[in-house]
Amino acid sequence: MIGWCLLFLVTIEGVCSEIRLQQFPSELKRPGETVKISCATSGYTMTSYTLEWSGFSLTEDVSSSTQYLQIRSLTAEDSAVYFCSRVHSD
């Protein structure tokens, strides 16, 4: 039973290591400024979409596999840890 469990974990690690998300270093901005955070991806095909929501915009450059989160007119309430992630669904 333990042998099967270890084999399963190694297999999963190999599959997951092909998909990569790279988020770039943090930025410090002042209220009223704009920040543009990027996340480069590899190991899967991106689909094209754009999202705009109350001062936040999410865009992407499919040719470079990079997604961008831009926040305009920053306020203290926008202070947070922002991170990129990939969600898979069938």
PDB file of N, CA and C in Angstrom:
ATOM      1  N   MET A   1       0.824  -1.197   0.000  1.00  0.00           N
ATOM      2  CA  MET A   1       0.000   0.000   0.000  1.00  0.00           C
ATOM      3  C   MET A   1       0.867   1.260   0.000  1.00  0.00           C
ATOM      4  N   ILE A   2       1.916   1.294   0.788  1.00  0.00           N
ATOM      5  CA  ILE A   2       2.787   2.467   0.832  1.00  0.00           C
ATOM      6  C   ILE A   2       3.491   2.666  -0.508  1.00  0.00           C
ATOM      7  N   GLY A   3       3.903   1.589  -1.162  1.00  0.00           N
ATOM      8  CA  GLY A   3       4.537   1.687  -2.477  1.00  0.00           C
ATOM      9  C   GLY A   3       3.645   2.366  -3.493  1.00  0.00           C
ATOM     10  N   TRP A   4       2.372   2.035  -3.507  1.00  0.00           N
ATOM     11  CA  TRP A   4       1.426   2.659  -4.435  1.00  0.00           C
ATOM     12  C   TRP A   4       1.251   4.137  -4.120  1.00  0.00           C
ATOM     13  N   CYS A   5       1.202   4.473  -2.876  1.00  0.00           N
ATOM     14  CA  CYS A   5       1.018   5.862  -2.469  1.00  0.00           C
ATOM     15  C   CYS A   5       2.204   6.714  -2.927  1.00  0.00           C
ATOM     16  N   LEU A   6       3.427   6.229  -2.740  1.00  0.00           N
ATOM     17  CA  LEU A   6       4.607   6.968  -3.164  1.00  0.00           C
ATOM     18  C   LEU A   6       4.651   7.118  -4.679  1.00  0.00           C
ATOM     19  N   LEU A   7       4.300   6.088  -5.404  1.00  0.00           N
ATOM     20  CA  LEU A   7       4.271   6.145  -6.858  1.00  0.00           C
ATOM     21  C   LEU A   7       3.256   7.189  -7.320  1.00  0.00           C
ATOM     22  N   PHE A   8       2.116   7.232  -6.690  1.00  0.00           N
ATOM     23  CA  PHE A   8       1.070   8.191  -7.025  1.00  0.00           C
ATOM     24  C   PHE A   8       1.556   9.621  -6.796  1.00  0.00           C
ATOM     25  N   LEU A   9       2.216   9.879  -5.687  1.00  0.00           N
ATOM     26  CA  LEU A   9       2.706  11.217  -5.383  1.00  0.00           C
ATOM     27  C   LEU A   9       3.760  11.675  -6.382  1.00  0.00           C
ATOM     28  N   VAL A  10       4.647  10.783  -6.770  1.00  0.00           N
ATOM     29  CA  VAL A  10       5.671  11.130  -7.751  1.00  0.00           C
ATOM     30  C   VAL A  10       5.034  11.457  -9.089  1.00  0.00           C
ATOM     31  N   THR A  11       4.030  10.679  -9.485  1.00  0.00           N
ATOM     32  CA  THR A  11       3.337  10.922 -10.747  1.00  0.00           C
ATOM     33  C   THR A  11       2.640  12.274 -10.733  1.00  0.00           C
ATOM     34  N   ILE A  12       1.964  12.600  -9.659  1.00  0.00           N
ATOM     35  CA  ILE A  12       1.272  13.885  -9.560  1.00  0.00           C
ATOM     36  C   ILE A  12       2.282  15.028  -9.616  1.00  0.00           C
ATOM     37  N   GLU A  13       3.405  14.905  -8.945  1.00  0.00           N
ATOM     38  CA  GLU A  13       4.412  15.952  -8.951  1.00  0.00           C
ATOM     39  C   GLU A  13       4.915  16.204 -10.365  1.00  0.00           C
ATOM     40  N   GLY A  14       5.117  15.152 -11.132  1.00  0.00           N
ATOM     41  CA  GLY A  14       5.575  15.299 -12.510  1.00  0.00           C
ATOM     42  C   GLY A  14       4.568  16.035 -13.367  1.00  0.00           C
ATOM     43  N   VAL A  15       3.300  15.739 -13.196  1.00  0.00           N
ATOM     44  CA  VAL A  15       2.252  16.396 -13.975  1.00  0.00           C
ATOM     45  C   VAL A  15       2.157  17.867 -13.597  1.00  0.00           C
ATOM     46  N   CYS A  16       2.172  18.176 -12.326  1.00  0.00           N
ATOM     47  CA  CYS A  16       2.019  19.561 -11.876  1.00  0.00           C
ATOM     48  C   CYS A  16       3.220  20.426 -12.236  1.00  0.00           C
ATOM     49  N   SER A  17       4.408  19.848 -12.319  1.00  0.00           N
ATOM     50  CA  SER A  17       5.596  20.653 -12.564  1.00  0.00           C
ATOM     51  C   SER A  17       5.640  21.218 -13.978  1.00  0.00           C
ATOM     52  N   GLU A  18       4.784  20.763 -14.895  1.00  0.00           N
ATOM     53  CA  GLU A  18       4.784  21.280 -16.260  1.00  0.00           C
ATOM     54  C   GLU A  18       4.062  22.621 -16.362  1.00  0.00           C
ATOM     55  N   ILE A  19       3.154  22.922 -15.475  1.00  0.00           N
ATOM     56  CA  ILE A  19       2.405  24.176 -15.497  1.00  0.00           C
ATOM     57  C   ILE A  19       3.085  25.152 -14.548  1.00  0.00           C
ATOM     58  N   ARG A  20       3.426  26.346 -15.063  1.00  0.00           N
ATOM     59  CA  ARG A  20       4.137  27.321 -14.234  1.00  0.00           C
ATOM     60  C   ARG A  20       3.445  28.678 -14.281  1.00  0.00           C
ATOM     61  N   LEU A  21       3.377  29.305 -13.131  1.00  0.00           N
ATOM     62  CA  LEU A  21       2.883  30.680 -13.012  1.00  0.00           C
ATOM     63  C   LEU A  21       3.997  31.490 -12.374  1.00  0.00           C
ATOM     64  N   GLN A  22       4.383  32.587 -12.986  1.00  0.00           N
ATOM     65  CA  GLN A  22       5.449  33.422 -12.437  1.00  0.00           C
ATOM     66  C   GLN A  22       4.920  34.819 -12.196  1.00  0.00           C
ATOM     67  N   GLN A  23       4.868  35.178 -10.928  1.00  0.00           N
ATOM     68  CA  GLN A  23       4.405  36.511 -10.550  1.00  0.00           C
ATOM     69  C   GLN A  23       5.631  37.347 -10.218  1.00  0.00           C
ATOM     70  N   PHE A  24       5.617  38.583 -10.616  1.00  0.00           N
ATOM     71  CA  PHE A  24       6.790  39.423 -10.468  1.00  0.00           C
ATOM     72  C   PHE A  24       6.791  40.135  -9.118  1.00  0.00           C
ATOM     73  N   PRO A  25       7.933  40.708  -8.708  1.00  0.00           N
ATOM     74  CA  PRO A  25       8.081  41.261  -7.353  1.00  0.00           C
ATOM     75  C   PRO A  25       6.997  42.264  -6.968  1.00  0.00           C
ATOM     76  N   SER A  26       6.879  42.456  -5.668  1.00  0.00           N
ATOM     77  CA  SER A  26       5.857  43.363  -5.136  1.00  0.00           C
ATOM     78  C   SER A  26       6.184  44.815  -5.488  1.00  0.00           C
ATOM     79  N   GLU A  27       5.164  45.646  -5.407  1.00  0.00           N
ATOM     80  CA  GLU A  27       5.318  47.069  -5.691  1.00  0.00           C
ATOM     81  C   GLU A  27       4.683  47.872  -4.570  1.00  0.00           C
ATOM     82  N   LEU A  28       5.251  49.020  -4.306  1.00  0.00           N
ATOM     83  CA  LEU A  28       4.715  49.934  -3.304  1.00  0.00           C
ATOM     84  C   LEU A  28       4.248  51.190  -4.030  1.00  0.00           C
ATOM     85  N   LYS A  29       2.976  51.529  -3.880  1.00  0.00           N
ATOM     86  CA  LYS A  29       2.393  52.682  -4.563  1.00  0.00           C
ATOM     87  C   LYS A  29       1.708  53.587  -3.554  1.00  0.00           C
ATOM     88  N   ARG A  30       1.471  54.823  -3.953  1.00  0.00           N
ATOM     89  CA  ARG A  30       0.782  55.808  -3.120  1.00  0.00           C
ATOM     90  C   ARG A  30      -0.684  55.917  -3.537  1.00  0.00           C
ATOM     91  N   PRO A  31      -1.546  56.371  -2.618  1.00  0.00           N
ATOM     92  CA  PRO A  31      -2.955  56.579  -2.980  1.00  0.00           C
ATOM     93  C   PRO A  31      -3.071  57.476  -4.217  1.00  0.00           C
ATOM     94  N   GLY A  32      -4.009  57.107  -5.088  1.00  0.00           N
ATOM     95  CA  GLY A  32      -4.233  57.862  -6.314  1.00  0.00           C
ATOM     96  C   GLY A  32      -3.446  57.356  -7.506  1.00  0.00           C
ATOM     97  N   GLU A  33      -2.385  56.579  -7.265  1.00  0.00           N
ATOM     98  CA  GLU A  33      -1.568  56.055  -8.359  1.00  0.00           C
ATOM     99  C   GLU A  33      -2.228  54.824  -8.980  1.00  0.00           C
ATOM    100  N   THR A  34      -1.619  54.329 -10.051  1.00  0.00           N
ATOM    101  CA  THR A  34      -2.067  53.123 -10.745  1.00  0.00           C
ATOM    102  C   THR A  34      -0.984  52.064 -10.628  1.00  0.00           C
ATOM    103  N   VAL A  35      -1.382  50.822 -10.449  1.00  0.00           N
ATOM    104  CA  VAL A  35      -0.433  49.711 -10.422  1.00  0.00           C
ATOM    105  C   VAL A  35      -0.859  48.682 -11.466  1.00  0.00           C
ATOM    106  N   LYS A  36       0.128  48.075 -12.111  1.00  0.00           N
ATOM    107  CA  LYS A  36      -0.139  47.019 -13.085  1.00  0.00           C
ATOM    108  C   LYS A  36       0.715  45.813 -12.696  1.00  0.00           C
ATOM    109  N   ILE A  37       0.052  44.750 -12.264  1.00  0.00           N
ATOM    110  CA  ILE A  37       0.710  43.540 -11.780  1.00  0.00           C
ATOM    111  C   ILE A  37       0.655  42.500 -12.894  1.00  0.00           C
ATOM    112  N   SER A  38       1.781  41.829 -13.152  1.00  0.00           N
ATOM    113  CA  SER A  38       1.797  40.843 -14.235  1.00  0.00           C
ATOM    114  C   SER A  38       2.028  39.434 -13.710  1.00  0.00           C
ATOM    115  N   CYS A  39       1.533  38.470 -14.473  1.00  0.00           N
ATOM    116  CA  CYS A  39       1.676  37.054 -14.144  1.00  0.00           C
ATOM    117  C   CYS A  39       1.927  36.300 -15.448  1.00  0.00           C
ATOM    118  N   ALA A  40       3.133  35.752 -15.598  1.00  0.00           N
ATOM    119  CA  ALA A  40       3.483  35.000 -16.804  1.00  0.00           C
ATOM    120  C   ALA A  40       3.168  33.525 -16.575  1.00  0.00           C
ATOM    121  N   THR A  41       2.630  32.877 -17.594  1.00  0.00           N
ATOM    122  CA  THR A  41       2.230  31.476 -17.479  1.00  0.00           C
ATOM    123  C   THR A  41       2.904  30.641 -18.553  1.00  0.00           C
ATOM    124  N   SER A  42       3.068  29.354 -18.260  1.00  0.00           N
ATOM    125  CA  SER A  42       3.558  28.412 -19.266  1.00  0.00           C
ATOM    126  C   SER A  42       3.044  27.025 -18.922  1.00  0.00           C
ATOM    127  N   GLY A  43       2.998  26.161 -19.924  1.00  0.00           N
ATOM    128  CA  GLY A  43       2.582  24.783 -19.700  1.00  0.00           C
ATOM    129  C   GLY A  43       1.135  24.507 -20.041  1.00  0.00           C
ATOM    130  N   TYR A  44       0.396  25.520 -20.486  1.00  0.00           N
ATOM    131  CA  TYR A  44      -0.981  25.314 -20.921  1.00  0.00           C
ATOM    132  C   TYR A  44      -1.379  26.451 -21.852  1.00  0.00           C
ATOM    133  N   THR A  45      -2.441  26.263 -22.584  1.00  0.00           N
ATOM    134  CA  THR A  45      -2.910  27.262 -23.529  1.00  0.00           C
ATOM    135  C   THR A  45      -3.867  28.221 -22.837  1.00  0.00           C
ATOM    136  N   MET A  46      -3.579  29.500 -22.953  1.00  0.00           N
ATOM    137  CA  MET A  46      -4.452  30.515 -22.367  1.00  0.00           C
ATOM    138  C   MET A  46      -5.624  30.766 -23.298  1.00  0.00           C
ATOM    139  N   THR A  47      -6.762  31.094 -22.715  1.00  0.00           N
ATOM    140  CA  THR A  47      -7.906  31.534 -23.508  1.00  0.00           C
ATOM    141  C   THR A  47      -7.997  33.045 -23.391  1.00  0.00           C
ATOM    142  N   SER A  48      -8.609  33.681 -24.339  1.00  0.00           N
ATOM    143  CA  SER A  48      -8.644  35.132 -24.371  1.00  0.00           C
ATOM    144  C   SER A  48      -9.859  35.675 -23.623  1.00  0.00           C
ATOM    145  N   TYR A  49      -9.639  36.636 -22.738  1.00  0.00           N
ATOM    146  CA  TYR A  49     -10.735  37.298 -22.038  1.00  0.00           C
ATOM    147  C   TYR A  49     -10.253  38.626 -21.475  1.00  0.00           C
ATOM    148  N   THR A  50     -11.161  39.489 -21.182  1.00  0.00           N
ATOM    149  CA  THR A  50     -10.882  40.764 -20.532  1.00  0.00           C
ATOM    150  C   THR A  50     -11.966  41.011 -19.496  1.00  0.00           C
ATOM    151  N   LEU A  51     -11.590  41.532 -18.335  1.00  0.00           N
ATOM    152  CA  LEU A  51     -12.536  41.800 -17.263  1.00  0.00           C
ATOM    153  C   LEU A  51     -12.325  43.229 -16.781  1.00  0.00           C
ATOM    154  N   GLU A  52     -13.378  43.961 -16.604  1.00  0.00           N
ATOM    155  CA  GLU A  52     -13.306  45.322 -16.056  1.00  0.00           C
ATOM    156  C   GLU A  52     -14.288  45.393 -14.898  1.00  0.00           C
ATOM    157  N   TRP A  53     -13.819  45.840 -13.722  1.00  0.00           N
ATOM    158  CA  TRP A  53     -14.709  45.883 -12.567  1.00  0.00           C
ATOM    159  C   TRP A  53     -14.265  46.979 -11.616  1.00  0.00           C
ATOM    160  N   SER A  54     -15.014  48.038 -11.528  1.00  0.00           N
ATOM    161  CA  SER A  54     -14.847  49.092 -10.535  1.00  0.00           C
ATOM    162  C   SER A  54     -13.390  49.498 -10.293  1.00  0.00           C
ATOM    163  N   GLY A  55     -12.717  49.956 -11.336  1.00  0.00           N
ATOM    164  CA  GLY A  55     -11.338  50.400 -11.188  1.00  0.00           C
ATOM    165  C   GLY A  55     -10.307  49.313 -11.384  1.00  0.00           C
ATOM    166  N   PHE A  56     -10.737  48.067 -11.449  1.00  0.00           N
ATOM    167  CA  PHE A  56      -9.838  46.953 -11.681  1.00  0.00           C
ATOM    168  C   PHE A  56     -10.017  46.495 -13.124  1.00  0.00           C
ATOM    169  N   SER A  57      -8.932  46.222 -13.821  1.00  0.00           N
ATOM    170  CA  SER A  57      -9.063  45.626 -15.146  1.00  0.00           C
ATOM    171  C   SER A  57      -8.090  44.462 -15.266  1.00  0.00           C
ATOM    172  N   LEU A  58      -8.545  43.392 -15.873  1.00  0.00           N
ATOM    173  CA  LEU A  58      -7.738  42.196 -16.085  1.00  0.00           C
ATOM    174  C   LEU A  58      -7.636  41.992 -17.582  1.00  0.00           C
ATOM    175  N   THR A  59      -6.404  42.016 -18.088  1.00  0.00           N
ATOM    176  CA  THR A  59      -6.171  41.822 -19.516  1.00  0.00           C
ATOM    177  C   THR A  59      -5.067  40.795 -19.688  1.00  0.00           C
ATOM    178  N   GLU A  60      -4.850  40.405 -20.922  1.00  0.00           N
ATOM    179  CA  GLU A  60      -3.761  39.472 -21.169  1.00  0.00           C
ATOM    180  C   GLU A  60      -3.167  39.682 -22.544  1.00  0.00           C
ATOM    181  N   ASP A  61      -1.920  39.275 -22.665  1.00  0.00           N
ATOM    182  CA  ASP A  61      -1.219  39.244 -23.937  1.00  0.00           C
ATOM    183  C   ASP A  61      -0.991  37.772 -24.239  1.00  0.00           C
ATOM    184  N   VAL A  62      -1.824  37.203 -25.095  1.00  0.00           N
ATOM    185  CA  VAL A  62      -1.769  35.770 -25.375  1.00  0.00           C
ATOM    186  C   VAL A  62      -0.426  35.395 -25.990  1.00  0.00           C
ATOM    187  N   SER A  63       0.150  36.264 -26.826  1.00  0.00           N
ATOM    188  CA  SER A  63       1.412  35.934 -27.493  1.00  0.00           C
ATOM    189  C   SER A  63       2.562  35.742 -26.504  1.00  0.00           C
ATOM    190  N   SER A  64       2.541  36.446 -25.373  1.00  0.00           N
ATOM    191  CA  SER A  64       3.591  36.278 -24.362  1.00  0.00           C
ATOM    192  C   SER A  64       3.110  35.481 -23.153  1.00  0.00           C
ATOM    193  N   SER A  65       1.866  34.991 -23.194  1.00  0.00           N
ATOM    194  CA  SER A  65       1.277  34.216 -22.087  1.00  0.00           C
ATOM    195  C   SER A  65       1.378  34.965 -20.757  1.00  0.00           C
ATOM    196  N   THR A  66       1.052  36.239 -20.798  1.00  0.00           N
ATOM    197  CA  THR A  66       1.123  37.072 -19.601  1.00  0.00           C
ATOM    198  C   THR A  66      -0.231  37.719 -19.348  1.00  0.00           C
ATOM    199  N   GLN A  67      -0.660  37.680 -18.095  1.00  0.00           N
ATOM    200  CA  GLN A  67      -1.897  38.331 -17.679  1.00  0.00           C
ATOM    201  C   GLN A  67      -1.536  39.531 -16.812  1.00  0.00           C
ATOM    202  N   TYR A  68      -2.380  40.557 -16.873  1.00  0.00           N
ATOM    203  CA  TYR A  68      -2.129  41.796 -16.137  1.00  0.00           C
ATOM    204  C   TYR A  68      -3.352  42.185 -15.325  1.00  0.00           C
ATOM    205  N   LEU A  69      -3.122  42.558 -14.079  1.00  0.00           N
ATOM    206  CA  LEU A  69      -4.158  43.144 -13.239  1.00  0.00           C
ATOM    207  C   LEU A  69      -3.769  44.600 -13.032  1.00  0.00           C
ATOM    208  N   GLN A  70      -4.616  45.510 -13.490  1.00  0.00           N
ATOM    209  CA  GLN A  70      -4.355  46.938 -13.320  1.00  0.00           C
ATOM    210  C   GLN A  70      -5.404  47.528 -12.393  1.00  0.00           C
ATOM    211  N   ILE A  71      -4.931  48.280 -11.404  1.00  0.00           N
ATOM    212  CA  ILE A  71      -5.824  48.947 -10.456  1.00  0.00           C
ATOM    213  C   ILE A  71      -5.532  50.437 -10.542  1.00  0.00           C
ATOM    214  N   ARG A  72      -6.561  51.209 -10.870  1.00  0.00           N
ATOM    215  CA  ARG A  72      -6.425  52.657 -11.016  1.00  0.00           C
ATOM    216  C   ARG A  72      -6.927  53.374  -9.764  1.00  0.00           C
ATOM    217  N   SER A  73      -6.411  54.570  -9.557  1.00  0.00           N
ATOM    218  CA  SER A  73      -6.837  55.424  -8.433  1.00  0.00           C
ATOM    219  C   SER A  73      -6.806  54.651  -7.117  1.00  0.00           C
ATOM    220  N   LEU A  74      -5.638  54.143  -6.787  1.00  0.00           N
ATOM    221  CA  LEU A  74      -5.481  53.327  -5.582  1.00  0.00           C
ATOM    222  C   LEU A  74      -5.932  54.061  -4.322  1.00  0.00           C
ATOM    223  N   THR A  75      -6.523  53.295  -3.414  1.00  0.00           N
ATOM    224  CA  THR A  75      -6.899  53.801  -2.095  1.00  0.00           C
ATOM    225  C   THR A  75      -6.300  52.869  -1.051  1.00  0.00           C
ATOM    226  N   ALA A  76      -6.343  53.275   0.201  1.00  0.00           N
ATOM    227  CA  ALA A  76      -5.831  52.433   1.282  1.00  0.00           C
ATOM    228  C   ALA A  76      -6.567  51.095   1.334  1.00  0.00           C
ATOM    229  N   GLU A  77      -7.836  51.089   0.945  1.00  0.00           N
ATOM    230  CA  GLU A  77      -8.632  49.852   0.966  1.00  0.00           C
ATOM    231  C   GLU A  77      -8.159  48.835  -0.072  1.00  0.00           C
ATOM    232  N   ASP A  78      -7.380  49.276  -1.059  1.00  0.00           N
ATOM    233  CA  ASP A  78      -6.845  48.353  -2.064  1.00  0.00           C
ATOM    234  C   ASP A  78      -5.612  47.612  -1.564  1.00  0.00           C
ATOM    235  N   SER A  79      -5.104  47.983  -0.387  1.00  0.00           N
ATOM    236  CA  SER A  79      -3.932  47.309   0.178  1.00  0.00           C
ATOM    237  C   SER A  79      -4.271  45.850   0.441  1.00  0.00           C
ATOM    238  N   ALA A  80      -3.496  44.963  -0.161  1.00  0.00           N
ATOM    239  CA  ALA A  80      -3.774  43.529  -0.031  1.00  0.00           C
ATOM    240  C   ALA A  80      -2.621  42.744  -0.635  1.00  0.00           C
ATOM    241  N   VAL A  81      -2.672  41.442  -0.462  1.00  0.00           N
ATOM    242  CA  VAL A  81      -1.771  40.540  -1.160  1.00  0.00           C
ATOM    243  C   VAL A  81      -2.536  40.030  -2.372  1.00  0.00           C
ATOM    244  N   TYR A  82      -2.061  40.350  -3.562  1.00  0.00           N
ATOM    245  CA  TYR A  82      -2.673  39.894  -4.803  1.00  0.00           C
ATOM    246  C   TYR A  82      -1.788  38.792  -5.370  1.00  0.00           C
ATOM    247  N   PHE A  83      -2.389  37.718  -5.821  1.00  0.00           N
ATOM    248  CA  PHE A  83      -1.598  36.633  -6.391  1.00  0.00           C
ATOM    249  C   PHE A  83      -2.324  36.035  -7.575  1.00  0.00           C
ATOM    250  N   CYS A  84      -1.554  35.396  -8.457  1.00  0.00           N
ATOM    251  CA  CYS A  84      -2.172  34.753  -9.617  1.00  0.00           C
ATOM    252  C   CYS A  84      -2.288  33.253  -9.359  1.00  0.00           C
ATOM    253  N   SER A  85      -3.304  32.669  -9.929  1.00  0.00           N
ATOM    254  CA  SER A  85      -3.513  31.226  -9.797  1.00  0.00           C
ATOM    255  C   SER A  85      -4.241  30.727 -11.030  1.00  0.00           C
ATOM    256  N   ARG A  86      -4.211  29.437 -11.223  1.00  0.00           N
ATOM    257  CA  ARG A  86      -4.899  28.811 -12.346  1.00  0.00           C
ATOM    258  C   ARG A  86      -5.954  27.878 -11.789  1.00  0.00           C
ATOM    259  N   VAL A  87      -7.144  27.950 -12.348  1.00  0.00           N
ATOM    260  CA  VAL A  87      -8.237  27.073 -11.936  1.00  0.00           C
ATOM    261  C   VAL A  87      -8.571  26.167 -13.106  1.00  0.00           C
ATOM    262  N   HIS A  88      -8.692  24.893 -12.843  1.00  0.00           N
ATOM    263  CA  HIS A  88      -9.040  23.927 -13.887  1.00  0.00           C
ATOM    264  C   HIS A  88     -10.422  23.362 -13.608  1.00  0.00           C
ATOM    265  N   SER A  89     -11.247  23.324 -14.624  1.00  0.00           N
ATOM    266  CA  SER A  89     -12.552  22.682 -14.483  1.00  0.00           C
ATOM    267  C   SER A  89     -12.880  21.968 -15.779  1.00  0.00           C
ATOM    268  N   ASP A  90     -13.659  20.915 -15.681  1.00  0.00           N
ATOM    269  CA  ASP A  90     -14.047  20.146 -16.870  1.00  0.00           C
ATOM    270  C   ASP A  90     -15.407  20.550 -17.354  1.00  0.00           C
TER     271      ASP A  90
END
